Amino acid sequence: MEIKIETEYIKLDSFLKWVNVVGSGAEAKVYIRDGLVEVNGEVEVRRGKKLRPGDIVKFNEETYKVI
């Protein structure tokens, strides 16, 4: 699924909220901390990771491309 952002970047925790896969930043923090989110094929544990167009996020068997 392609997700368009209107800014230069979006932080990973905010992105998970933006695509409605978590209900809150606190929930996103737990999933990220527990190593359940991948960015560009690597497990990402920093909730403040900046995502830019072209980045690929995998979470809960879904894949999202930032455009």
N, C-alpha and C. Protein backbone atom coordinates (compact mmCIF):
# COMPACT_ATOMS: atom_id res chain seq x y z
N MET A 1 0.85 -1.17 0.00
CA MET A 1 0.00 0.00 0.00
C MET A 1 0.90 1.24 0.00
N GLU A 2 0.60 2.21 -0.85
CA GLU A 2 1.37 3.44 -0.91
C GLU A 2 0.69 4.50 -0.05
N ILE A 3 1.50 5.16 0.77
CA ILE A 3 1.00 6.20 1.68
C ILE A 3 1.70 7.51 1.36
N LYS A 4 0.94 8.50 0.93
CA LYS A 4 1.52 9.80 0.57
C LYS A 4 1.62 10.68 1.81
N ILE A 5 2.78 11.29 1.96
CA ILE A 5 2.95 12.27 3.04
C ILE A 5 3.11 13.65 2.40
N GLU A 6 2.71 14.67 3.12
CA GLU A 6 2.75 16.04 2.60
C GLU A 6 3.96 16.81 3.11
N THR A 7 4.75 16.19 3.97
CA THR A 7 5.91 16.85 4.56
C THR A 7 7.19 16.16 4.09
N GLU A 8 8.34 16.71 4.45
CA GLU A 8 9.63 16.13 4.07
C GLU A 8 9.81 14.74 4.65
N TYR A 9 9.32 14.55 5.89
CA TYR A 9 9.43 13.26 6.56
C TYR A 9 8.31 13.12 7.57
N ILE A 10 8.14 11.90 8.07
CA ILE A 10 7.21 11.62 9.16
C ILE A 10 7.90 10.63 10.10
N LYS A 11 7.74 10.83 11.39
CA LYS A 11 8.36 9.92 12.35
C LYS A 11 7.59 8.59 12.38
N LEU A 12 8.33 7.53 12.65
CA LEU A 12 7.77 6.19 12.59
C LEU A 12 6.53 6.02 13.45
N ASP A 13 6.56 6.48 14.69
CA ASP A 13 5.38 6.31 15.55
C ASP A 13 4.18 7.07 15.00
N SER A 14 4.42 8.25 14.47
CA SER A 14 3.34 9.04 13.87
C SER A 14 2.82 8.37 12.60
N PHE A 15 3.70 7.74 11.85
CA PHE A 15 3.30 7.04 10.64
C PHE A 15 2.34 5.90 10.96
N LEU A 16 2.64 5.13 12.00
CA LEU A 16 1.76 4.02 12.37
C LEU A 16 0.38 4.52 12.77
N LYS A 17 0.33 5.68 13.41
CA LYS A 17 -0.97 6.28 13.74
C LYS A 17 -1.66 6.78 12.46
N TRP A 18 -0.89 7.39 11.56
CA TRP A 18 -1.41 7.96 10.31
C TRP A 18 -2.12 6.90 9.47
N VAL A 19 -1.55 5.68 9.43
CA VAL A 19 -2.15 4.61 8.62
C VAL A 19 -3.16 3.77 9.42
N ASN A 20 -3.47 4.22 10.62
CA ASN A 20 -4.51 3.61 11.45
C ASN A 20 -4.26 2.15 11.82
N VAL A 21 -2.99 1.81 12.09
CA VAL A 21 -2.70 0.44 12.54
C VAL A 21 -2.49 0.39 14.05
N VAL A 22 -2.38 1.56 14.67
CA VAL A 22 -2.32 1.66 16.14
C VAL A 22 -3.26 2.77 16.56
N GLY A 23 -3.70 2.71 17.80
CA GLY A 23 -4.64 3.70 18.29
C GLY A 23 -4.01 4.91 18.95
N SER A 24 -2.73 4.76 19.34
CA SER A 24 -2.08 5.86 20.05
C SER A 24 -0.57 5.78 19.89
N GLY A 25 0.10 6.87 20.23
CA GLY A 25 1.55 6.89 20.20
C GLY A 25 2.15 5.90 21.20
N ALA A 26 1.48 5.74 22.34
CA ALA A 26 1.97 4.80 23.35
C ALA A 26 1.93 3.37 22.82
N GLU A 27 0.87 3.04 22.09
CA GLU A 27 0.75 1.71 21.50
C GLU A 27 1.84 1.50 20.44
N ALA A 28 2.06 2.52 19.62
CA ALA A 28 3.11 2.45 18.60
C ALA A 28 4.47 2.24 19.26
N LYS A 29 4.72 2.95 20.34
CA LYS A 29 6.00 2.84 21.04
C LYS A 29 6.27 1.40 21.48
N VAL A 30 5.25 0.73 21.99
CA VAL A 30 5.41 -0.65 22.45
C VAL A 30 5.76 -1.57 21.30
N TYR A 31 5.02 -1.48 20.20
CA TYR A 31 5.30 -2.33 19.03
C TYR A 31 6.70 -2.08 18.48
N ILE A 32 7.09 -0.82 18.40
CA ILE A 32 8.42 -0.48 17.89
C ILE A 32 9.49 -1.00 18.84
N ARG A 33 9.34 -0.73 20.12
CA ARG A 33 10.31 -1.17 21.12
C ARG A 33 10.48 -2.68 21.13
N ASP A 34 9.40 -3.40 20.89
CA ASP A 34 9.44 -4.86 20.90
C ASP A 34 9.95 -5.46 19.60
N GLY A 35 10.38 -4.61 18.66
CA GLY A 35 10.98 -5.10 17.42
C GLY A 35 10.00 -5.67 16.42
N LEU A 36 8.77 -5.19 16.44
CA LEU A 36 7.74 -5.72 15.55
C LEU A 36 7.55 -4.91 14.28
N VAL A 37 8.38 -3.88 14.08
CA VAL A 37 8.27 -3.01 12.91
C VAL A 37 9.58 -3.04 12.14
N GLU A 38 9.49 -3.18 10.83
CA GLU A 38 10.67 -3.13 9.97
C GLU A 38 10.60 -1.89 9.08
N VAL A 39 11.76 -1.29 8.88
CA VAL A 39 11.90 -0.19 7.93
C VAL A 39 13.00 -0.57 6.95
N ASN A 40 12.66 -0.61 5.69
CA ASN A 40 13.61 -0.98 4.64
C ASN A 40 14.31 -2.30 4.91
N GLY A 41 13.53 -3.29 5.39
CA GLY A 41 14.03 -4.63 5.60
C GLY A 41 14.80 -4.87 6.89
N GLU A 42 14.90 -3.86 7.74
CA GLU A 42 15.61 -3.97 9.02
C GLU A 42 14.66 -3.68 10.17
N VAL A 43 14.78 -4.43 11.26
CA VAL A 43 13.98 -4.14 12.45
C VAL A 43 14.38 -2.76 12.95
N GLU A 44 13.39 -1.93 13.22
CA GLU A 44 13.62 -0.56 13.69
C GLU A 44 13.05 -0.41 15.08
N VAL A 45 13.89 0.00 16.04
CA VAL A 45 13.43 0.16 17.42
C VAL A 45 13.40 1.61 17.88
N ARG A 46 13.64 2.54 16.96
CA ARG A 46 13.59 3.97 17.30
C ARG A 46 12.25 4.53 16.82
N ARG A 47 11.42 4.94 17.77
CA ARG A 47 10.10 5.45 17.38
C ARG A 47 10.20 6.77 16.65
N GLY A 48 11.29 7.50 16.82
CA GLY A 48 11.49 8.78 16.16
C GLY A 48 12.19 8.67 14.82
N LYS A 49 12.38 7.46 14.32
CA LYS A 49 13.01 7.25 13.01
C LYS A 49 12.25 8.06 11.96
N LYS A 50 12.99 8.88 11.20
CA LYS A 50 12.36 9.71 10.19
C LYS A 50 12.17 8.91 8.90
N LEU A 51 10.94 8.84 8.46
CA LEU A 51 10.61 8.15 7.21
C LEU A 51 10.46 9.20 6.12
N ARG A 52 11.07 8.89 4.99
CA ARG A 52 11.00 9.79 3.84
C ARG A 52 10.44 9.02 2.64
N PRO A 53 9.98 9.73 1.61
CA PRO A 53 9.48 9.04 0.42
C PRO A 53 10.48 7.99 -0.08
N GLY A 54 9.96 6.81 -0.38
CA GLY A 54 10.79 5.69 -0.83
C GLY A 54 11.01 4.65 0.25
N ASP A 55 10.81 5.03 1.52
CA ASP A 55 10.98 4.08 2.61
C ASP A 55 9.84 3.07 2.61
N ILE A 56 10.17 1.85 3.03
CA ILE A 56 9.21 0.75 3.11
C ILE A 56 9.05 0.34 4.57
N VAL A 57 7.82 0.32 5.06
CA VAL A 57 7.52 -0.07 6.44
C VAL A 57 6.72 -1.36 6.42
N LYS A 58 7.14 -2.33 7.24
CA LYS A 58 6.39 -3.57 7.38
C LYS A 58 5.95 -3.69 8.83
N PHE A 59 4.65 -3.97 9.00
CA PHE A 59 4.09 -4.14 10.33
C PHE A 59 2.86 -5.01 10.23
N ASN A 60 2.77 -6.01 11.09
CA ASN A 60 1.58 -6.85 11.19
C ASN A 60 1.18 -7.44 9.83
N GLU A 61 2.18 -7.97 9.13
CA GLU A 61 1.99 -8.63 7.83
C GLU A 61 1.51 -7.69 6.73
N GLU A 62 1.61 -6.40 6.91
CA GLU A 62 1.27 -5.41 5.89
C GLU A 62 2.52 -4.63 5.51
N THR A 63 2.59 -4.20 4.27
CA THR A 63 3.72 -3.43 3.77
C THR A 63 3.21 -2.09 3.27
N TYR A 64 3.90 -1.02 3.68
CA TYR A 64 3.52 0.34 3.31
C TYR A 64 4.72 1.03 2.68
N LYS A 65 4.51 1.70 1.57
CA LYS A 65 5.57 2.47 0.93
C LYS A 65 5.24 3.95 1.10
N VAL A 66 6.20 4.68 1.64
CA VAL A 66 6.02 6.12 1.82
C VAL A 66 6.29 6.79 0.47
N ILE A 67 5.34 7.61 0.03
CA ILE A 67 5.55 8.34 -1.24
C ILE A 67 5.33 9.83 -1.02
